C-alpha atoms as a PDB file:
ATOM      1  CA  UNK A   1      66.572  99.153 108.184  1.00  0.00           C
ATOM      2  CA  UNK A   2      66.850  97.933 111.792  1.00  0.00           C
ATOM      3  CA  UNK A   3      63.948  95.870 113.128  1.00  0.00           C
ATOM      4  CA  UNK A   4      63.547  94.741 116.749  1.00  0.00           C
ATOM      5  CA  UNK A   5      61.385  91.753 117.679  1.00  0.00           C
ATOM      6  CA  UNK A   6      60.323  91.842 121.324  1.00  0.00           C
ATOM      7  CA  UNK A   7      59.532  88.333 122.549  1.00  0.00           C
ATOM      8  CA  UNK A   8      61.373  85.200 121.474  1.00  0.00           C
ATOM      9  CA  UNK A   9      58.567  82.671 121.839  1.00  0.00           C
ATOM     10  CA  UNK A  10      57.249  80.673 118.902  1.00  0.00           C
ATOM     11  CA  UNK A  11      55.604  83.626 117.141  1.00  0.00           C
ATOM     12  CA  UNK A  12      58.413  86.069 117.938  1.00  0.00           C
ATOM     13  CA  UNK A  13      61.004  83.639 116.616  1.00  0.00           C
ATOM     14  CA  UNK A  14      58.995  83.232 113.416  1.00  0.00           C
ATOM     15  CA  UNK A  15      58.725  87.017 112.956  1.00  0.00           C
ATOM     16  CA  UNK A  16      62.473  87.411 113.476  1.00  0.00           C
ATOM     17  CA  UNK A  17      63.289  84.585 111.072  1.00  0.00           C
ATOM     18  CA  UNK A  18      60.977  85.908 108.372  1.00  0.00           C
ATOM     19  CA  UNK A  19      62.049  89.558 108.646  1.00  0.00           C
ATOM     20  CA  UNK A  20      65.677  88.413 108.370  1.00  0.00           C
ATOM     21  CA  UNK A  21      64.913  86.911 104.940  1.00  0.00           C
ATOM     22  CA  UNK A  22      64.182  90.363 103.478  1.00  0.00           C
ATOM     23  CA  UNK A  23      67.112  92.097 101.795  1.00  0.00           C
ATOM     24  CA  UNK A  24      68.390  95.161 103.603  1.00  0.00           C
ATOM     25  CA  UNK A  25      66.798  94.296 106.958  1.00  0.00           C
ATOM     26  CA  UNK A  26      68.854  93.781 110.123  1.00  0.00           C
ATOM     27  CA  UNK A  27      66.913  91.959 112.846  1.00  0.00           C
ATOM     28  CA  UNK A  28      67.514  92.073 116.590  1.00  0.00           C
ATOM     29  CA  UNK A  29      65.573  90.197 119.249  1.00  0.00           C
ATOM     30  CA  UNK A  30      64.706  90.669 122.922  1.00  0.00           C
ATOM     31  CA  UNK A  31      63.878  87.623 125.071  1.00  0.00           C
ATOM     32  CA  UNK A  32      63.905  87.633 128.911  1.00  0.00           C
ATOM     33  CA  UNK A  33      64.450  83.908 129.450  1.00  0.00           C
ATOM     34  CA  UNK A  34      68.137  82.985 129.438  1.00  0.00           C
ATOM     35  CA  UNK A  35      67.725  79.498 127.963  1.00  0.00           C
ATOM     36  CA  UNK A  36      65.502  80.694 125.132  1.00  0.00           C
ATOM     37  CA  UNK A  37      67.850  83.594 124.360  1.00  0.00           C
ATOM     38  CA  UNK A  38      70.791  81.154 124.279  1.00  0.00           C
ATOM     39  CA  UNK A  39      68.873  78.877 121.897  1.00  0.00           C
ATOM     40  CA  UNK A  40      68.124  81.813 119.586  1.00  0.00           C
ATOM     41  CA  UNK A  41      71.806  82.816 119.535  1.00  0.00           C
ATOM     42  CA  UNK A  42      72.749  79.276 118.529  1.00  0.00           C
ATOM     43  CA  UNK A  43      70.129  79.042 115.759  1.00  0.00           C
ATOM     44  CA  UNK A  44      70.337  82.485 114.139  1.00  0.00           C
ATOM     45  CA  UNK A  45      72.808  85.255 113.334  1.00  0.00           C
ATOM     46  CA  UNK A  46      70.693  88.250 114.318  1.00  0.00           C
ATOM     47  CA  UNK A  47      72.164  91.734 114.677  1.00  0.00           C
ATOM     48  CA  UNK A  48      71.720  92.221 118.420  1.00  0.00           C
ATOM     49  CA  UNK A  49      70.359  90.158 121.322  1.00  0.00           C
ATOM     50  CA  UNK A  50      68.751  91.661 124.418  1.00  0.00           C
ATOM     51  CA  UNK A  51      67.431  90.240 127.665  1.00  0.00           C
ATOM     52  CA  UNK A  52      65.674  93.301 129.096  1.00  0.00           C
ATOM     53  CA  UNK A  53      63.405  95.574 127.038  1.00  0.00           C
ATOM     54  CA  UNK A  54      63.974  98.407 129.516  1.00  0.00           C
ATOM     55  CA  UNK A  55      67.678  98.530 128.636  1.00  0.00           C
ATOM     56  CA  UNK A  56      67.278  98.862 124.868  1.00  0.00           C
ATOM     57  CA  UNK A  57      68.084 102.147 123.118  1.00  0.00           C
ATOM     58  CA  UNK A  58      65.007 102.126 120.909  1.00  0.00           C
ATOM     59  CA  UNK A  59      66.039 105.067 118.734  1.00  0.00           C
ATOM     60  CA  UNK A  60      68.411 102.636 116.970  1.00  0.00           C
ATOM     61  CA  UNK A  61      65.416 100.840 115.445  1.00  0.00           C
ATOM     62  CA  UNK A  62      63.138 101.823 112.575  1.00  0.00           C
ATOM     63  CA  UNK A  63      60.420  99.355 113.542  1.00  0.00           C
ATOM     64  CA  UNK A  64      59.482  97.218 116.525  1.00  0.00           C
ATOM     65  CA  UNK A  65      57.484  93.991 116.472  1.00  0.00           C
ATOM     66  CA  UNK A  66      55.698  93.398 119.788  1.00  0.00           C
ATOM     67  CA  UNK A  67      55.319  89.621 120.239  1.00  0.00           C
ATOM     68  CA  UNK A  68      54.970  89.389 124.010  1.00  0.00           C
ATOM     69  CA  UNK A  69      51.935  88.255 126.069  1.00  0.00           C
ATOM     70  CA  UNK A  70      48.924  90.502 125.296  1.00  0.00           C
ATOM     71  CA  UNK A  71      48.918  92.281 128.658  1.00  0.00           C
ATOM     72  CA  UNK A  72      52.305  93.805 127.753  1.00  0.00           C
ATOM     73  CA  UNK A  73      51.498  94.920 124.198  1.00  0.00           C
ATOM     74  CA  UNK A  74      50.222  98.447 124.754  1.00  0.00           C
ATOM     75  CA  UNK A  75      52.772  99.639 127.382  1.00  0.00           C
ATOM     76  CA  UNK A  76      55.652  98.361 125.243  1.00  0.00           C
ATOM     77  CA  UNK A  77      54.135  99.848 122.093  1.00  0.00           C
ATOM     78  CA  UNK A  78      53.766 103.266 123.733  1.00  0.00           C
ATOM     79  CA  UNK A  79      57.424 103.244 124.829  1.00  0.00           C
ATOM     80  CA  UNK A  80      58.608 102.242 121.354  1.00  0.00           C
ATOM     81  CA  UNK A  81      56.381 104.828 119.663  1.00  0.00           C
ATOM     82  CA  UNK A  82      57.681 107.604 121.920  1.00  0.00           C
ATOM     83  CA  UNK A  83      61.140 106.719 120.595  1.00  0.00           C
ATOM     84  CA  UNK A  84      59.924 107.099 117.000  1.00  0.00           C
ATOM     85  CA  UNK A  85      59.593 103.404 116.144  1.00  0.00           C
ATOM     86  CA  UNK A  86      57.000 102.141 113.684  1.00  0.00           C
ATOM     87  CA  UNK A  87      54.971  99.298 115.168  1.00  0.00           C
ATOM     88  CA  UNK A  88      53.556  95.909 114.357  1.00  0.00           C
ATOM     89  CA  UNK A  89      51.729  94.482 117.373  1.00  0.00           C
ATOM     90  CA  UNK A  90      50.844  90.814 117.650  1.00  0.00           C
ATOM     91  CA  UNK A  91      47.222  89.860 118.072  1.00  0.00           C
ATOM     92  CA  UNK A  92      45.226  90.438 120.158  1.00  0.00           C
ATOM     93  CA  UNK A  93      45.998  94.108 120.544  1.00  0.00           C
ATOM     94  CA  UNK A  94      45.413  93.959 124.307  1.00  0.00           C
ATOM     95  CA  UNK A  95      43.060  92.637 127.016  1.00  0.00           C
ATOM     96  CA  UNK A  96      41.090  95.869 127.277  1.00  0.00           C
ATOM     97  CA  UNK A  97      41.079  99.434 125.983  1.00  0.00           C
ATOM     98  CA  UNK A  98      43.370 100.918 128.648  1.00  0.00           C
ATOM     99  CA  UNK A  99      46.244 102.872 127.155  1.00  0.00           C
ATOM    100  CA  UNK A 100      45.030 102.641 123.573  1.00  0.00           C
ATOM    101  CA  UNK A 101      43.987 106.301 123.366  1.00  0.00           C
ATOM    102  CA  UNK A 102      47.459 107.329 124.533  1.00  0.00           C
ATOM    103  CA  UNK A 103      49.044 104.987 121.980  1.00  0.00           C
ATOM    104  CA  UNK A 104      46.959 106.548 119.201  1.00  0.00           C
ATOM    105  CA  UNK A 105      48.023 110.060 120.227  1.00  0.00           C
ATOM    106  CA  UNK A 106      51.726 109.179 120.175  1.00  0.00           C
ATOM    107  CA  UNK A 107      51.413 107.424 116.803  1.00  0.00           C
ATOM    108  CA  UNK A 108      49.616 110.425 115.320  1.00  0.00           C
ATOM    109  CA  UNK A 109      52.081 112.945 116.766  1.00  0.00           C
ATOM    110  CA  UNK A 110      55.095 110.967 115.526  1.00  0.00           C
ATOM    111  CA  UNK A 111      53.449 110.068 112.175  1.00  0.00           C
ATOM    112  CA  UNK A 112      54.138 106.380 112.644  1.00  0.00           C
ATOM    113  CA  UNK A 113      52.881 103.245 110.943  1.00  0.00           C
ATOM    114  CA  UNK A 114      51.108 100.894 113.345  1.00  0.00           C
ATOM    115  CA  UNK A 115      49.565  97.583 112.358  1.00  0.00           C
ATOM    116  CA  UNK A 116      48.192  94.541 114.163  1.00  0.00           C
ATOM    117  CA  UNK A 117      49.594  91.185 113.062  1.00  0.00           C
ATOM    118  CA  UNK A 118      46.480  89.289 111.988  1.00  0.00           C
ATOM    119  CA  UNK A 119      48.293  86.912 109.669  1.00  0.00           C
ATOM    120  CA  UNK A 120      45.163  85.404 108.059  1.00  0.00           C
ATOM    121  CA  UNK A 121      44.577  88.704 106.288  1.00  0.00           C
ATOM    122  CA  UNK A 122      47.562  87.774 104.098  1.00  0.00           C
ATOM    123  CA  UNK A 123      46.255  84.291 103.203  1.00  0.00           C
ATOM    124  CA  UNK A 124      45.707  84.036  99.409  1.00  0.00           C
ATOM    125  CA  UNK A 125      42.432  82.134  99.876  1.00  0.00           C
ATOM    126  CA  UNK A 126      40.869  84.905 101.991  1.00  0.00           C
ATOM    127  CA  UNK A 127      42.079  87.558  99.579  1.00  0.00           C
ATOM    128  CA  UNK A 128      40.430  85.603  96.761  1.00  0.00           C
ATOM    129  CA  UNK A 129      37.189  85.587  98.751  1.00  0.00           C
ATOM    130  CA  UNK A 130      37.497  89.344  99.314  1.00  0.00           C
ATOM    131  CA  UNK A 131      37.694  89.754  95.520  1.00  0.00           C
ATOM    132  CA  UNK A 132      34.749  87.403  94.868  1.00  0.00           C
ATOM    133  CA  UNK A 133      32.615  89.359  97.333  1.00  0.00           C
ATOM    134  CA  UNK A 134      33.569  92.663  95.687  1.00  0.00           C
ATOM    135  CA  UNK A 135      32.403  91.180  92.369  1.00  0.00           C
ATOM    136  CA  UNK A 136      29.074  90.221  94.040  1.00  0.00           C
ATOM    137  CA  UNK A 137      29.443  86.636  92.836  1.00  0.00           C
ATOM    138  CA  UNK A 138      26.955  85.366  95.439  1.00  0.00           C
ATOM    139  CA  UNK A 139      24.706  88.433  95.520  1.00  0.00           C
ATOM    140  CA  UNK A 140      23.632  89.973  98.823  1.00  0.00           C
ATOM    141  CA  UNK A 141      25.301  88.298 101.796  1.00  0.00           C
ATOM    142  CA  UNK A 142      22.825  86.906 104.312  1.00  0.00           C
ATOM    143  CA  UNK A 143      24.854  84.707 106.636  1.00  0.00           C
ATOM    144  CA  UNK A 144      28.476  83.911 107.457  1.00  0.00           C
ATOM    145  CA  UNK A 145      29.971  81.135 109.575  1.00  0.00           C
ATOM    146  CA  UNK A 146      33.600  80.592 110.661  1.00  0.00           C
ATOM    147  CA  UNK A 147      34.985  77.635 112.568  1.00  0.00           C
ATOM    148  CA  UNK A 148      38.441  76.928 113.976  1.00  0.00           C
ATOM    149  CA  UNK A 149      39.556  73.961 116.046  1.00  0.00           C
ATOM    150  CA  UNK A 150      42.949  72.569 116.942  1.00  0.00           C
ATOM    151  CA  UNK A 151      44.705  70.493 119.587  1.00  0.00           C
ATOM    152  CA  UNK A 152      46.558  73.139 121.558  1.00  0.00           C
ATOM    153  CA  UNK A 153      48.424  70.708 123.840  1.00  0.00           C
ATOM    154  CA  UNK A 154      49.961  69.145 120.750  1.00  0.00           C
ATOM    155  CA  UNK A 155      51.040  72.465 119.271  1.00  0.00           C
ATOM    156  CA  UNK A 156      52.165  73.951 122.607  1.00  0.00           C
ATOM    157  CA  UNK A 157      52.961  71.183 125.130  1.00  0.00           C
ATOM    158  CA  UNK A 158      53.909  73.875 127.659  1.00  0.00           C
ATOM    159  CA  UNK A 159      50.488  75.547 127.370  1.00  0.00           C
ATOM    160  CA  UNK A 160      49.882  75.461 131.149  1.00  0.00           C
ATOM    161  CA  UNK A 161      52.997  77.575 131.743  1.00  0.00           C
ATOM    162  CA  UNK A 162      52.415  80.308 129.165  1.00  0.00           C
ATOM    163  CA  UNK A 163      50.053  83.279 128.812  1.00  0.00           C
ATOM    164  CA  UNK A 164      47.318  81.090 127.266  1.00  0.00           C
ATOM    165  CA  UNK A 165      46.519  79.542 130.673  1.00  0.00           C
ATOM    166  CA  UNK A 166      46.240  82.861 132.519  1.00  0.00           C
ATOM    167  CA  UNK A 167      43.354  85.345 132.354  1.00  0.00           C
ATOM    168  CA  UNK A 168      45.459  88.322 133.449  1.00  0.00           C
ATOM    169  CA  UNK A 169      47.883  87.729 130.563  1.00  0.00           C
ATOM    170  CA  UNK A 170      45.254  87.461 127.825  1.00  0.00           C
ATOM    171  CA  UNK A 171      44.831  83.716 127.561  1.00  0.00           C
ATOM    172  CA  UNK A 172      41.856  81.701 126.360  1.00  0.00           C
ATOM    173  CA  UNK A 173      40.450  81.075 122.912  1.00  0.00           C
ATOM    174  CA  UNK A 174      38.373  84.248 122.567  1.00  0.00           C
ATOM    175  CA  UNK A 175      41.441  86.495 122.495  1.00  0.00           C
ATOM    176  CA  UNK A 176      44.087  84.042 121.324  1.00  0.00           C
ATOM    177  CA  UNK A 177      41.975  82.824 118.388  1.00  0.00           C
ATOM    178  CA  UNK A 178      40.603  86.260 117.501  1.00  0.00           C
ATOM    179  CA  UNK A 179      41.652  85.914 113.841  1.00  0.00           C
ATOM    180  CA  UNK A 180      38.114  84.910 112.886  1.00  0.00           C
ATOM    181  CA  UNK A 181      36.542  87.992 114.472  1.00  0.00           C
ATOM    182  CA  UNK A 182      39.077  90.132 112.622  1.00  0.00           C
ATOM    183  CA  UNK A 183      38.755  88.694 109.138  1.00  0.00           C
ATOM    184  CA  UNK A 184      34.945  88.490 109.268  1.00  0.00           C
ATOM    185  CA  UNK A 185      34.763  92.242 109.876  1.00  0.00           C
ATOM    186  CA  UNK A 186      37.275  92.738 107.048  1.00  0.00           C
ATOM    187  CA  UNK A 187      35.087  90.693 104.695  1.00  0.00           C
ATOM    188  CA  UNK A 188      31.568  91.876 105.562  1.00  0.00           C
ATOM    189  CA  UNK A 189      31.784  94.929 107.837  1.00  0.00           C
ATOM    190  CA  UNK A 190      31.482  95.943 111.454  1.00  0.00           C
ATOM    191  CA  UNK A 191      29.912  93.745 114.143  1.00  0.00           C
ATOM    192  CA  UNK A 192      27.259  95.593 116.122  1.00  0.00           C
ATOM    193  CA  UNK A 193      25.864  92.884 118.454  1.00  0.00           C
ATOM    194  CA  UNK A 194      27.409  89.820 120.107  1.00  0.00           C
ATOM    195  CA  UNK A 195      25.991  86.886 122.055  1.00  0.00           C
ATOM    196  CA  UNK A 196      28.364  84.250 123.396  1.00  0.00           C
ATOM    197  CA  UNK A 197      28.813  81.093 125.441  1.00  0.00           C
ATOM    198  CA  UNK A 198      32.260  79.973 126.590  1.00  0.00           C
ATOM    199  CA  UNK A 199      33.573  77.323 128.961  1.00  0.00           C
ATOM    200  CA  UNK A 200      36.551  75.192 129.969  1.00  0.00           C
ATOM    201  CA  UNK A 201      35.641  71.647 128.991  1.00  0.00           C
ATOM    202  CA  UNK A 202      38.893  69.828 128.296  1.00  0.00           C
ATOM    203  CA  UNK A 203      42.118  71.635 129.192  1.00  0.00           C
ATOM    204  CA  UNK A 204      43.371  72.121 132.743  1.00  0.00           C
ATOM    205  CA  UNK A 205      43.567  75.930 132.603  1.00  0.00           C
ATOM    206  CA  UNK A 206      41.739  78.877 134.165  1.00  0.00           C
ATOM    207  CA  UNK A 207      40.850  80.289 130.751  1.00  0.00           C
ATOM    208  CA  UNK A 208      38.214  79.109 128.271  1.00  0.00           C
ATOM    209  CA  UNK A 209      39.011  76.377 125.756  1.00  0.00           C
ATOM    210  CA  UNK A 210      35.771  76.708 123.772  1.00  0.00           C
ATOM    211  CA  UNK A 211      33.617  79.643 122.703  1.00  0.00           C
ATOM    212  CA  UNK A 212      30.624  80.001 120.408  1.00  0.00           C
ATOM    213  CA  UNK A 213      29.728  83.509 119.300  1.00  0.00           C
ATOM    214  CA  UNK A 214      26.647  84.755 117.465  1.00  0.00           C
ATOM    215  CA  UNK A 215      27.128  88.033 115.636  1.00  0.00           C
ATOM    216  CA  UNK A 216      24.891  90.615 114.017  1.00  0.00           C
ATOM    217  CA  UNK A 217      26.733  92.900 111.620  1.00  0.00           C
ATOM    218  CA  UNK A 218      25.813  96.507 110.821  1.00  0.00           C
ATOM    219  CA  UNK A 219      24.559  95.270 107.446  1.00  0.00           C
ATOM    220  CA  UNK A 220      22.132  92.909 109.298  1.00  0.00           C
ATOM    221  CA  UNK A 221      24.142  89.835 108.239  1.00  0.00           C
ATOM    222  CA  UNK A 222      23.899  87.099 110.879  1.00  0.00           C
ATOM    223  CA  UNK A 223      27.186  85.388 111.696  1.00  0.00           C
ATOM    224  CA  UNK A 224      28.622  82.638 113.860  1.00  0.00           C
ATOM    225  CA  UNK A 225      32.105  81.797 115.142  1.00  0.00           C
ATOM    226  CA  UNK A 226      32.938  78.454 116.752  1.00  0.00           C
ATOM    227  CA  UNK A 227      36.351  78.140 118.427  1.00  0.00           C
ATOM    228  CA  UNK A 228      37.858  75.246 120.338  1.00  0.00           C
ATOM    229  CA  UNK A 229      41.420  74.209 121.116  1.00  0.00           C
ATOM    230  CA  UNK A 230      40.917  70.566 122.062  1.00  0.00           C
ATOM    231  CA  UNK A 231      39.853  68.759 118.881  1.00  0.00           C
ATOM    232  CA  UNK A 232      42.461  66.336 117.611  1.00  0.00           C
ATOM    233  CA  UNK A 233      42.263  67.295 113.920  1.00  0.00           C
ATOM    234  CA  UNK A 234      43.126  70.830 112.819  1.00  0.00           C
ATOM    235  CA  UNK A 235      40.163  72.554 111.198  1.00  0.00           C
ATOM    236  CA  UNK A 236      39.672  76.115 109.931  1.00  0.00           C
ATOM    237  CA  UNK A 237      36.710  76.728 107.651  1.00  0.00           C
ATOM    238  CA  UNK A 238      34.459  79.502 106.393  1.00  0.00           C
ATOM    239  CA  UNK A 239      31.020  79.540 104.764  1.00  0.00           C
ATOM    240  CA  UNK A 240      29.329  82.613 103.315  1.00  0.00           C
ATOM    241  CA  UNK A 241      25.727  82.359 102.131  1.00  0.00           C
ATOM    242  CA  UNK A 242      24.308  84.891  99.710  1.00  0.00           C
ATOM    243  CA  UNK A 243      20.963  85.226  97.969  1.00  0.00           C
ATOM    244  CA  UNK A 244      22.545  84.074  94.684  1.00  0.00           C
ATOM    245  CA  UNK A 245      25.121  81.534  95.828  1.00  0.00           C
ATOM    246  CA  UNK A 246      27.575  80.283  98.439  1.00  0.00           C
ATOM    247  CA  UNK A 247      31.306  80.567  99.117  1.00  0.00           C
ATOM    248  CA  UNK A 248      33.198  78.002 101.198  1.00  0.00           C
ATOM    249  CA  UNK A 249      36.824  77.897 102.260  1.00  0.00           C
ATOM    250  CA  UNK A 250      39.180  75.417 103.877  1.00  0.00           C
ATOM    251  CA  UNK A 251      41.864  77.786 105.134  1.00  0.00           C
ATOM    252  CA  UNK A 252      44.300  75.035 106.070  1.00  0.00           C
ATOM    253  CA  UNK A 253      44.340  73.619 102.544  1.00  0.00           C
ATOM    254  CA  UNK A 254      43.782  76.965 100.816  1.00  0.00           C
ATOM    255  CA  UNK A 255      40.749  75.683  98.909  1.00  0.00           C
ATOM    256  CA  UNK A 256      37.892  78.042  97.984  1.00  0.00           C
ATOM    257  CA  UNK A 257      34.551  76.857  96.637  1.00  0.00           C
ATOM    258  CA  UNK A 258      32.083  79.052  94.739  1.00  0.00           C
ATOM    259  CA  UNK A 259      28.507  77.920  94.076  1.00  0.00           C
ATOM    260  CA  UNK A 260      26.459  80.152  91.788  1.00  0.00           C
ATOM    261  CA  UNK A 261      22.738  79.511  91.723  1.00  0.00           C
ATOM    262  CA  UNK A 262      22.405  80.595  88.107  1.00  0.00           C
ATOM    263  CA  UNK A 263      24.944  77.969  87.021  1.00  0.00           C
ATOM    264  CA  UNK A 264      23.898  75.227  89.437  1.00  0.00           C
ATOM    265  CA  UNK A 265      27.415  73.917  90.053  1.00  0.00           C
ATOM    266  CA  UNK A 266      30.544  74.424  92.139  1.00  0.00           C
ATOM    267  CA  UNK A 267      33.805  75.968  90.977  1.00  0.00           C
ATOM    268  CA  UNK A 268      36.955  75.470  93.065  1.00  0.00           C
ATOM    269  CA  UNK A 269      40.140  77.499  93.467  1.00  0.00           C
ATOM    270  CA  UNK A 270      43.327  76.222  95.090  1.00  0.00           C
ATOM    271  CA  UNK A 271      45.376  78.852  96.930  1.00  0.00           C
ATOM    272  CA  UNK A 272      47.769  76.942  99.217  1.00  0.00           C
ATOM    273  CA  UNK A 273      50.386  78.831 101.199  1.00  0.00           C
ATOM    274  CA  UNK A 274      53.507  77.861 103.075  1.00  0.00           C
ATOM    275  CA  UNK A 275      53.418  79.335 106.596  1.00  0.00           C
ATOM    276  CA  UNK A 276      56.739  81.206 106.575  1.00  0.00           C
ATOM    277  CA  UNK A 277      55.924  82.663 103.147  1.00  0.00           C
ATOM    278  CA  UNK A 278      52.793  84.320 104.533  1.00  0.00           C
ATOM    279  CA  UNK A 279      54.765  85.809 107.420  1.00  0.00           C
ATOM    280  CA  UNK A 280      57.317  87.130 104.932  1.00  0.00           C
ATOM    281  CA  UNK A 281      54.417  88.745 103.030  1.00  0.00           C
ATOM    282  CA  UNK A 282      53.278  90.363 106.287  1.00  0.00           C
ATOM    283  CA  UNK A 283      56.818  91.582 107.011  1.00  0.00           C
ATOM    284  CA  UNK A 284      57.175  92.994 103.494  1.00  0.00           C
ATOM    285  CA  UNK A 285      53.852  94.813 103.868  1.00  0.00           C
ATOM    286  CA  UNK A 286      55.114  96.418 107.096  1.00  0.00           C
ATOM    287  CA  UNK A 287      58.362  97.528 105.422  1.00  0.00           C
ATOM    288  CA  UNK A 288      56.540  98.940 102.378  1.00  0.00           C
ATOM    289  CA  UNK A 289      54.085 100.756 104.663  1.00  0.00           C
ATOM    290  CA  UNK A 290      57.009 102.356 106.533  1.00  0.00           C
ATOM    291  CA  UNK A 291      58.431 103.451 103.166  1.00  0.00           C
ATOM    292  CA  UNK A 292      55.071 104.918 102.130  1.00  0.00           C
ATOM    293  CA  UNK A 293      54.581 102.451  99.276  1.00  0.00           C
ATOM    294  CA  UNK A 294      51.350 100.803 100.497  1.00  0.00           C
ATOM    295  CA  UNK A 295      48.913 100.767 103.405  1.00  0.00           C
ATOM    296  CA  UNK A 296      49.376  98.456 106.370  1.00  0.00           C
ATOM    297  CA  UNK A 297      47.200  95.361 105.931  1.00  0.00           C
ATOM    298  CA  UNK A 298      45.513  95.460 109.350  1.00  0.00           C
ATOM    299  CA  UNK A 299      45.282  98.901 110.919  1.00  0.00           C
ATOM    300  CA  UNK A 300      45.349  99.775 114.595  1.00  0.00           C
ATOM    301  CA  UNK A 301      41.679 100.811 114.365  1.00  0.00           C
ATOM    302  CA  UNK A 302      40.775  97.390 112.951  1.00  0.00           C
ATOM    303  CA  UNK A 303      42.678  95.756 115.797  1.00  0.00           C
ATOM    304  CA  UNK A 304      40.710  97.862 118.272  1.00  0.00           C
ATOM    305  CA  UNK A 305      37.487  96.776 116.562  1.00  0.00           C
ATOM    306  CA  UNK A 306      38.431  93.108 116.934  1.00  0.00           C
ATOM    307  CA  UNK A 307      39.290  93.663 120.597  1.00  0.00           C
ATOM    308  CA  UNK A 308      35.851  95.218 121.172  1.00  0.00           C
ATOM    309  CA  UNK A 309      34.176  92.144 119.657  1.00  0.00           C
ATOM    310  CA  UNK A 310      36.201  89.879 121.964  1.00  0.00           C
ATOM    311  CA  UNK A 311      35.406  92.016 125.000  1.00  0.00           C
ATOM    312  CA  UNK A 312      31.714  91.981 124.091  1.00  0.00           C
ATOM    313  CA  UNK A 313      31.808  88.175 123.756  1.00  0.00           C
ATOM    314  CA  UNK A 314      33.208  87.806 127.260  1.00  0.00           C
ATOM    315  CA  UNK A 315      30.705  90.291 128.682  1.00  0.00           C
ATOM    316  CA  UNK A 316      27.833  88.491 126.961  1.00  0.00           C
ATOM    317  CA  UNK A 317      28.790  85.108 128.400  1.00  0.00           C
ATOM    318  CA  UNK A 318      29.437  86.556 131.860  1.00  0.00           C
ATOM    319  CA  UNK A 319      26.137  88.456 132.031  1.00  0.00           C
ATOM    320  CA  UNK A 320      23.798  86.292 129.901  1.00  0.00           C
ATOM    321  CA  UNK A 321      23.022  89.273 127.681  1.00  0.00           C
ATOM    322  CA  UNK A 322      23.342  90.313 124.076  1.00  0.00           C
ATOM    323  CA  UNK A 323      25.995  93.059 124.022  1.00  0.00           C
ATOM    324  CA  UNK A 324      25.800  95.975 121.604  1.00  0.00           C
ATOM    325  CA  UNK A 325      29.159  97.356 120.467  1.00  0.00           C
ATOM    326  CA  UNK A 326      29.429 101.141 120.273  1.00  0.00           C
END
């Protein structure tokens, strides 16, 4: 099976590396910057290397991974789909809804697999929580709170030069850190109302480096997401409060806590994961979905839902209103 990764930045390189570890998969990569493409050629023995996406004969490939800046995702995905390529699109799906209806039509007509690469959906700790919730271990869910913070300049010293710093390319924490919006809807259902504040408090960029979102889900659960990219210690946590107990999670350490009111004590589960291993799991899911052996982990529709939450958050902050998602 021939797989093309479009975009050789940090996430594209990781996708290419992890797909290449699967037996029977030949990986090619497209990267427009000469120096980066040269570096990739020196580090890896991929099948083919391309500089310009427009020059690629896409019918050679079974699947295409779109790992470019978000403003390019949908146009590139449409072109690949028209050539019969199955798709995995990096998060966020896009900046807005333009072109998504056309993408859906092509995917349906060509009978293609299309997923959105929300990697946290493959984390063992979140899958354990999904199981605990299905078993109603904490009763009826009343409230849910997710928090993520990291020091972006440390992780990406060139952050001022990449898409993250530019609104028109899909930068800022609301879109770039949209994992939390995605997995909360996966765990407890659709968001119907959003209220948000965002600002730029620390980084020298035109996009936001902090956002706080209040959510009301269709089930009437009240939720909260706090995101920042300037705190010095990495933090990614989750708390779910039910009428019979509480679930907590430290996603970085893979540690899940379960408190059951009837027992009056905590029980802990350790589900650590090595980062490349999770990306290999995501790649294997994509391959099995193409072969009809399982469903894609995060569907295009779920990616659209996450994008709508992010768009509503921006609109709420910009207009000082609670935004209802339809």
